PDB file of N, CA and C in Angstrom:
ATOM      1  N   UNK A   1      -7.075  21.172 -25.045  1.00  0.00           N
ATOM      2  CA  UNK A   1      -8.332  20.891 -24.384  1.00  0.00           C
ATOM      3  C   UNK A   1      -8.513  19.395 -24.150  1.00  0.00           C
ATOM      4  N   UNK A   2      -8.162  18.607 -25.143  1.00  0.00           N
ATOM      5  CA  UNK A   2      -8.284  17.160 -25.022  1.00  0.00           C
ATOM      6  C   UNK A   2      -7.301  16.634 -23.973  1.00  0.00           C
ATOM      7  N   UNK A   3      -6.107  17.203 -23.927  1.00  0.00           N
ATOM      8  CA  UNK A   3      -5.098  16.764 -22.959  1.00  0.00           C
ATOM      9  C   UNK A   3      -5.563  17.006 -21.527  1.00  0.00           C
ATOM     10  N   UNK A   4      -6.200  18.131 -21.282  1.00  0.00           N
ATOM     11  CA  UNK A   4      -6.711  18.435 -19.938  1.00  0.00           C
ATOM     12  C   UNK A   4      -7.807  17.436 -19.564  1.00  0.00           C
ATOM     13  N   UNK A   5      -8.654  17.102 -20.504  1.00  0.00           N
ATOM     14  CA  UNK A   5      -9.714  16.125 -20.265  1.00  0.00           C
ATOM     15  C   UNK A   5      -9.138  14.749 -19.941  1.00  0.00           C
ATOM     16  N   UNK A   6      -8.125  14.335 -20.675  1.00  0.00           N
ATOM     17  CA  UNK A   6      -7.485  13.036 -20.436  1.00  0.00           C
ATOM     18  C   UNK A   6      -6.804  13.015 -19.068  1.00  0.00           C
ATOM     19  N   UNK A   7      -6.124  14.086 -18.713  1.00  0.00           N
ATOM     20  CA  UNK A   7      -5.466  14.169 -17.404  1.00  0.00           C
ATOM     21  C   UNK A   7      -6.499  14.113 -16.286  1.00  0.00           C
ATOM     22  N   UNK A   8      -7.634  14.770 -16.468  1.00  0.00           N
ATOM     23  CA  UNK A   8      -8.690  14.747 -15.455  1.00  0.00           C
ATOM     24  C   UNK A   8      -9.258  13.335 -15.287  1.00  0.00           C
ATOM     25  N   UNK A   9      -9.455  12.626 -16.377  1.00  0.00           N
ATOM     26  CA  UNK A   9      -9.973  11.256 -16.308  1.00  0.00           C
ATOM     27  C   UNK A   9      -8.975  10.342 -15.601  1.00  0.00           C
ATOM     28  N   UNK A  10      -7.688  10.484 -15.907  1.00  0.00           N
ATOM     29  CA  UNK A  10      -6.655   9.668 -15.260  1.00  0.00           C
ATOM     30  C   UNK A  10      -6.596   9.966 -13.763  1.00  0.00           C
ATOM     31  N   UNK A  11      -6.690  11.230 -13.377  1.00  0.00           N
ATOM     32  CA  UNK A  11      -6.646  11.607 -11.964  1.00  0.00           C
ATOM     33  C   UNK A  11      -7.841  11.045 -11.200  1.00  0.00           C
ATOM     34  N   UNK A  12      -9.018  11.170 -11.756  1.00  0.00           N
ATOM     35  CA  UNK A  12     -10.217  10.644 -11.096  1.00  0.00           C
ATOM     36  C   UNK A  12     -10.140   9.115 -11.008  1.00  0.00           C
ATOM     37  N   UNK A  13      -9.651   8.480 -12.040  1.00  0.00           N
ATOM     38  CA  UNK A  13      -9.511   7.020 -12.028  1.00  0.00           C
ATOM     39  C   UNK A  13      -8.552   6.571 -10.933  1.00  0.00           C
ATOM     40  N   UNK A  14      -7.446   7.289 -10.736  1.00  0.00           N
ATOM     41  CA  UNK A  14      -6.483   6.949  -9.691  1.00  0.00           C
ATOM     42  C   UNK A  14      -7.102   7.115  -8.300  1.00  0.00           C
ATOM     43  N   UNK A  15      -7.832   8.195  -8.095  1.00  0.00           N
ATOM     44  CA  UNK A  15      -8.459   8.437  -6.790  1.00  0.00           C
ATOM     45  C   UNK A  15      -9.481   7.348  -6.483  1.00  0.00           C
ATOM     46  N   UNK A  16     -10.274   6.957  -7.467  1.00  0.00           N
ATOM     47  CA  UNK A  16     -11.255   5.895  -7.264  1.00  0.00           C
ATOM     48  C   UNK A  16     -10.548   4.560  -7.001  1.00  0.00           C
ATOM     49  N   UNK A  17      -9.458   4.283  -7.713  1.00  0.00           N
ATOM     50  CA  UNK A  17      -8.757   3.015  -7.530  1.00  0.00           C
ATOM     51  C   UNK A  17      -8.107   2.919  -6.150  1.00  0.00           C
ATOM     52  N   UNK A  18      -7.698   4.064  -5.562  1.00  0.00           N
ATOM     53  CA  UNK A  18      -7.142   4.010  -4.209  1.00  0.00           C
ATOM     54  C   UNK A  18      -8.220   3.709  -3.179  1.00  0.00           C
ATOM     55  N   UNK A  19      -9.442   4.045  -3.470  1.00  0.00           N
ATOM     56  CA  UNK A  19     -10.543   3.709  -2.553  1.00  0.00           C
ATOM     57  C   UNK A  19     -10.917   2.232  -2.684  1.00  0.00           C
ATOM     58  N   UNK A  20     -10.910   1.712  -3.898  1.00  0.00           N
ATOM     59  CA  UNK A  20     -11.272   0.313  -4.120  1.00  0.00           C
ATOM     60  C   UNK A  20     -10.146  -0.630  -3.713  1.00  0.00           C
ATOM     61  N   UNK A  21      -8.905  -0.291  -4.059  1.00  0.00           N
ATOM     62  CA  UNK A  21      -7.730  -1.118  -3.748  1.00  0.00           C
ATOM     63  C   UNK A  21      -6.734  -0.278  -2.942  1.00  0.00           C
ATOM     64  N   UNK A  22      -6.919  -0.160  -1.623  1.00  0.00           N
ATOM     65  CA  UNK A  22      -6.091   0.747  -0.834  1.00  0.00           C
ATOM     66  C   UNK A  22      -4.697   0.227  -0.496  1.00  0.00           C
ATOM     67  N   UNK A  23      -4.432  -1.062  -0.682  1.00  0.00           N
ATOM     68  CA  UNK A  23      -3.163  -1.639  -0.245  1.00  0.00           C
ATOM     69  C   UNK A  23      -2.284  -2.054  -1.410  1.00  0.00           C
ATOM     70  N   UNK A  24      -0.976  -2.108  -1.129  1.00  0.00           N
ATOM     71  CA  UNK A  24       0.002  -2.633  -2.081  1.00  0.00           C
ATOM     72  C   UNK A  24       0.898  -3.588  -1.309  1.00  0.00           C
ATOM     73  N   UNK A  25       1.671  -4.372  -2.013  1.00  0.00           N
ATOM     74  CA  UNK A  25       2.599  -5.280  -1.357  1.00  0.00           C
ATOM     75  C   UNK A  25       3.752  -4.516  -0.722  1.00  0.00           C
ATOM     76  N   UNK A  26       4.217  -5.014   0.406  1.00  0.00           N
ATOM     77  CA  UNK A  26       5.335  -4.374   1.100  1.00  0.00           C
ATOM     78  C   UNK A  26       6.616  -4.605   0.303  1.00  0.00           C
ATOM     79  N   UNK A  27       7.341  -3.542  -0.062  1.00  0.00           N
ATOM     80  CA  UNK A  27       8.552  -3.719  -0.856  1.00  0.00           C
ATOM     81  C   UNK A  27       9.724  -4.287  -0.054  1.00  0.00           C
ATOM     82  N   UNK A  28       9.710  -4.151   1.252  1.00  0.00           N
ATOM     83  CA  UNK A  28      10.815  -4.618   2.076  1.00  0.00           C
ATOM     84  C   UNK A  28      10.852  -6.142   2.154  1.00  0.00           C
ATOM     85  N   UNK A  29       9.701  -6.756   2.388  1.00  0.00           N
ATOM     86  CA  UNK A  29       9.657  -8.218   2.540  1.00  0.00           C
ATOM     87  C   UNK A  29       9.086  -8.919   1.309  1.00  0.00           C
ATOM     88  N   UNK A  30       8.862  -8.194   0.234  1.00  0.00           N
ATOM     89  CA  UNK A  30       8.257  -8.728  -0.993  1.00  0.00           C
ATOM     90  C   UNK A  30       6.899  -9.364  -0.733  1.00  0.00           C
ATOM     91  N   UNK A  31       6.118  -8.724   0.123  1.00  0.00           N
ATOM     92  CA  UNK A  31       4.745  -9.115   0.459  1.00  0.00           C
ATOM     93  C   UNK A  31       4.651 -10.475   1.133  1.00  0.00           C
ATOM     94  N   UNK A  32       5.714 -10.937   1.787  1.00  0.00           N
ATOM     95  CA  UNK A  32       5.669 -12.207   2.511  1.00  0.00           C
ATOM     96  C   UNK A  32       5.378 -12.002   3.989  1.00  0.00           C
ATOM     97  N   UNK A  33       5.714 -10.834   4.525  1.00  0.00           N
ATOM     98  CA  UNK A  33       5.540 -10.578   5.948  1.00  0.00           C
ATOM     99  C   UNK A  33       6.719 -11.033   6.774  1.00  0.00           C
ATOM    100  N   UNK A  34       7.723 -11.639   6.122  1.00  0.00           N
ATOM    101  CA  UNK A  34       8.905 -12.137   6.831  1.00  0.00           C
ATOM    102  C   UNK A  34      10.163 -11.485   6.288  1.00  0.00           C
ATOM    103  N   UNK A  35      11.074 -11.198   7.181  1.00  0.00           N
ATOM    104  CA  UNK A  35      12.377 -10.667   6.808  1.00  0.00           C
ATOM    105  C   UNK A  35      13.412 -11.731   7.147  1.00  0.00           C
ATOM    106  N   UNK A  36      14.177 -12.165   6.153  1.00  0.00           N
ATOM    107  CA  UNK A  36      15.179 -13.204   6.372  1.00  0.00           C
ATOM    108  C   UNK A  36      16.497 -12.590   6.786  1.00  0.00           C
ATOM    109  N   UNK A  37      17.241 -13.284   7.618  1.00  0.00           N
ATOM    110  CA  UNK A  37      18.514 -12.796   8.126  1.00  0.00           C
ATOM    111  C   UNK A  37      19.581 -12.768   7.051  1.00  0.00           C
ATOM    112  N   UNK A  38      20.619 -11.963   7.282  1.00  0.00           N
ATOM    113  CA  UNK A  38      21.709 -11.866   6.316  1.00  0.00           C
ATOM    114  C   UNK A  38      22.801 -12.894   6.595  1.00  0.00           C
ATOM    115  N   UNK A  39      22.939 -13.337   7.827  1.00  0.00           N
ATOM    116  CA  UNK A  39      23.949 -14.341   8.174  1.00  0.00           C
ATOM    117  C   UNK A  39      23.344 -15.735   8.095  1.00  0.00           C
ATOM    118  N   UNK A  40      22.262 -15.958   8.838  1.00  0.00           N
ATOM    119  CA  UNK A  40      21.577 -17.248   8.817  1.00  0.00           C
ATOM    120  C   UNK A  40      20.384 -17.130   7.874  1.00  0.00           C
ATOM    121  N   UNK A  41      20.512 -17.667   6.688  1.00  0.00           N
ATOM    122  CA  UNK A  41      19.519 -17.467   5.634  1.00  0.00           C
ATOM    123  C   UNK A  41      18.174 -18.119   5.927  1.00  0.00           C
ATOM    124  N   UNK A  42      18.149 -19.126   6.784  1.00  0.00           N
ATOM    125  CA  UNK A  42      16.875 -19.782   7.075  1.00  0.00           C
ATOM    126  C   UNK A  42      16.145 -19.117   8.241  1.00  0.00           C
ATOM    127  N   UNK A  43      16.842 -18.297   9.021  1.00  0.00           N
ATOM    128  CA  UNK A  43      16.198 -17.601  10.130  1.00  0.00           C
ATOM    129  C   UNK A  43      15.408 -16.409   9.620  1.00  0.00           C
ATOM    130  N   UNK A  44      14.249 -16.199  10.213  1.00  0.00           N
ATOM    131  CA  UNK A  44      13.431 -15.063   9.779  1.00  0.00           C
ATOM    132  C   UNK A  44      12.698 -14.473  10.972  1.00  0.00           C
ATOM    133  N   UNK A  45      12.213 -13.255  10.777  1.00  0.00           N
ATOM    134  CA  UNK A  45      11.420 -12.554  11.782  1.00  0.00           C
ATOM    135  C   UNK A  45      10.327 -11.790  11.046  1.00  0.00           C
ATOM    136  N   UNK A  46       9.415 -11.209  11.823  1.00  0.00           N
ATOM    137  CA  UNK A  46       8.372 -10.387  11.211  1.00  0.00           C
ATOM    138  C   UNK A  46       8.986  -9.159  10.575  1.00  0.00           C
ATOM    139  N   UNK A  47       8.458  -8.753   9.443  1.00  0.00           N
ATOM    140  CA  UNK A  47       8.922  -7.534   8.786  1.00  0.00           C
ATOM    141  C   UNK A  47       8.544  -6.334   9.657  1.00  0.00           C
ATOM    142  N   UNK A  48       9.484  -5.459   9.890  1.00  0.00           N
ATOM    143  CA  UNK A  48       9.231  -4.292  10.742  1.00  0.00           C
ATOM    144  C   UNK A  48       8.416  -3.221  10.030  1.00  0.00           C
ATOM    145  N   UNK A  49       8.514  -3.185   8.723  1.00  0.00           N
ATOM    146  CA  UNK A  49       7.813  -2.147   7.986  1.00  0.00           C
ATOM    147  C   UNK A  49       6.319  -2.368   7.894  1.00  0.00           C
ATOM    148  N   UNK A  50       5.906  -3.610   7.677  1.00  0.00           N
ATOM    149  CA  UNK A  50       4.481  -3.906   7.520  1.00  0.00           C
ATOM    150  C   UNK A  50       3.921  -4.660   8.722  1.00  0.00           C
ATOM    151  N   UNK A  51       4.718  -4.862   9.742  1.00  0.00           N
ATOM    152  CA  UNK A  51       4.330  -5.589  10.968  1.00  0.00           C
ATOM    153  C   UNK A  51       3.877  -7.015  10.663  1.00  0.00           C
ATOM    154  N   UNK A  52       4.462  -7.612   9.647  1.00  0.00           N
ATOM    155  CA  UNK A  52       4.175  -9.007   9.338  1.00  0.00           C
ATOM    156  C   UNK A  52       2.963  -9.249   8.465  1.00  0.00           C
ATOM    157  N   UNK A  53       2.280  -8.212   8.029  1.00  0.00           N
ATOM    158  CA  UNK A  53       1.077  -8.408   7.209  1.00  0.00           C
ATOM    159  C   UNK A  53       1.409  -8.576   5.731  1.00  0.00           C
ATOM    160  N   UNK A  54       2.541  -8.040   5.296  1.00  0.00           N
ATOM    161  CA  UNK A  54       2.908  -8.115   3.885  1.00  0.00           C
ATOM    162  C   UNK A  54       2.247  -7.057   3.029  1.00  0.00           C
ATOM    163  N   UNK A  55       1.491  -6.144   3.654  1.00  0.00           N
ATOM    164  CA  UNK A  55       0.765  -5.118   2.905  1.00  0.00           C
ATOM    165  C   UNK A  55       1.036  -3.739   3.486  1.00  0.00           C
ATOM    166  N   UNK A  56       1.011  -2.749   2.618  1.00  0.00           N
ATOM    167  CA  UNK A  56       1.202  -1.352   3.005  1.00  0.00           C
ATOM    168  C   UNK A  56       0.145  -0.512   2.298  1.00  0.00           C
ATOM    169  N   UNK A  57      -0.183   0.641   2.899  1.00  0.00           N
ATOM    170  CA  UNK A  57      -1.093   1.582   2.246  1.00  0.00           C
ATOM    171  C   UNK A  57      -0.432   2.184   1.008  1.00  0.00           C
ATOM    172  N   UNK A  58      -1.221   2.386  -0.038  1.00  0.00           N
ATOM    173  CA  UNK A  58      -0.722   3.106  -1.198  1.00  0.00           C
ATOM    174  C   UNK A  58      -0.593   4.576  -0.835  1.00  0.00           C
ATOM    175  N   UNK A  59       0.248   5.307  -1.555  1.00  0.00           N
ATOM    176  CA  UNK A  59       0.457   6.731  -1.265  1.00  0.00           C
ATOM    177  C   UNK A  59      -0.848   7.507  -1.409  1.00  0.00           C
ATOM    178  N   UNK A  60      -1.614   7.248  -2.452  1.00  0.00           N
ATOM    179  CA  UNK A  60      -2.879   7.940  -2.666  1.00  0.00           C
ATOM    180  C   UNK A  60      -3.900   7.650  -1.581  1.00  0.00           C
ATOM    181  N   UNK A  61      -3.815   6.468  -0.976  1.00  0.00           N
ATOM    182  CA  UNK A  61      -4.726   6.135   0.114  1.00  0.00           C
ATOM    183  C   UNK A  61      -4.475   7.034   1.308  1.00  0.00           C
ATOM    184  N   UNK A  62      -3.220   7.286   1.602  1.00  0.00           N
ATOM    185  CA  UNK A  62      -2.880   8.162   2.725  1.00  0.00           C
ATOM    186  C   UNK A  62      -3.233   9.616   2.421  1.00  0.00           C
ATOM    187  N   UNK A  63      -2.976  10.053   1.200  1.00  0.00           N
ATOM    188  CA  UNK A  63      -3.187  11.461   0.833  1.00  0.00           C
ATOM    189  C   UNK A  63      -4.671  11.797   0.733  1.00  0.00           C
ATOM    190  N   UNK A  64      -5.445  10.988   0.001  1.00  0.00           N
ATOM    191  CA  UNK A  64      -6.836  11.331  -0.277  1.00  0.00           C
ATOM    192  C   UNK A  64      -7.823  10.827   0.776  1.00  0.00           C
ATOM    193  N   UNK A  65      -7.530   9.697   1.425  1.00  0.00           N
ATOM    194  CA  UNK A  65      -8.499   9.078   2.325  1.00  0.00           C
ATOM    195  C   UNK A  65      -8.022   8.990   3.772  1.00  0.00           C
ATOM    196  N   UNK A  66      -6.797   9.386   4.067  1.00  0.00           N
ATOM    197  CA  UNK A  66      -6.304   9.359   5.447  1.00  0.00           C
ATOM    198  C   UNK A  66      -5.648   8.060   5.859  1.00  0.00           C
ATOM    199  N   UNK A  67      -5.606   7.075   4.993  1.00  0.00           N
ATOM    200  CA  UNK A  67      -4.932   5.817   5.293  1.00  0.00           C
ATOM    201  C   UNK A  67      -5.812   4.816   6.018  1.00  0.00           C
ATOM    202  N   UNK A  68      -5.345   3.556   6.023  1.00  0.00           N
ATOM    203  CA  UNK A  68      -6.077   2.471   6.679  1.00  0.00           C
ATOM    204  C   UNK A  68      -5.228   1.777   7.738  1.00  0.00           C
ATOM    205  N   UNK A  69      -4.063   2.305   8.044  1.00  0.00           N
ATOM    206  CA  UNK A  69      -3.113   1.669   8.974  1.00  0.00           C
ATOM    207  C   UNK A  69      -2.747   0.258   8.518  1.00  0.00           C
ATOM    208  N   UNK A  70      -2.596   0.073   7.224  1.00  0.00           N
ATOM    209  CA  UNK A  70      -2.192  -1.183   6.584  1.00  0.00           C
ATOM    210  C   UNK A  70      -3.169  -2.327   6.815  1.00  0.00           C
ATOM    211  N   UNK A  71      -4.439  -2.021   7.069  1.00  0.00           N
ATOM    212  CA  UNK A  71      -5.435  -3.064   7.277  1.00  0.00           C
ATOM    213  C   UNK A  71      -6.357  -3.229   6.076  1.00  0.00           C
ATOM    214  N   UNK A  72      -6.516  -2.193   5.267  1.00  0.00           N
ATOM    215  CA  UNK A  72      -7.433  -2.231   4.135  1.00  0.00           C
ATOM    216  C   UNK A  72      -8.838  -1.825   4.500  1.00  0.00           C
ATOM    217  N   UNK A  73      -9.070  -1.490   5.775  1.00  0.00           N
ATOM    218  CA  UNK A  73     -10.390  -1.082   6.233  1.00  0.00           C
ATOM    219  C   UNK A  73     -10.323   0.391   6.633  1.00  0.00           C
ATOM    220  N   UNK A  74     -11.132   1.206   6.008  1.00  0.00           N
ATOM    221  CA  UNK A  74     -11.131   2.631   6.315  1.00  0.00           C
ATOM    222  C   UNK A  74     -11.832   2.872   7.643  1.00  0.00           C
ATOM    223  N   UNK A  75     -11.279   3.726   8.500  1.00  0.00           N
ATOM    224  CA  UNK A  75     -11.923   3.992   9.802  1.00  0.00           C
ATOM    225  C   UNK A  75     -13.229   4.762   9.619  1.00  0.00           C
ATOM    226  N   UNK A  76     -14.145   4.533  10.519  1.00  0.00           N
ATOM    227  CA  UNK A  76     -15.416   5.270  10.493  1.00  0.00           C
ATOM    228  C   UNK A  76     -15.162   6.695  10.932  1.00  0.00           C
ATOM    229  N   UNK A  77     -15.895   7.634  10.344  1.00  0.00           N
ATOM    230  CA  UNK A  77     -15.713   9.037  10.691  1.00  0.00           C
ATOM    231  C   UNK A  77     -16.741   9.493  11.675  1.00  0.00           C
TER     232      UNK A  77
END
């Protein structure tokens, strides 16, 4: 009984945290927004995964709230 209660509290806490903090750092560019070349190390371009913002939606943000398109602002319904 206690285990079910603890699991419920953890689940609700995660859902609330995805609403408060919907974004995470982009793992591809290490949250810099730039992707460095493999041949010319000083050359860089915008990261294709995060479109140069350095941020991505968390998985829970997409599942529970529909996502923010990596902006951190939820669309109006």
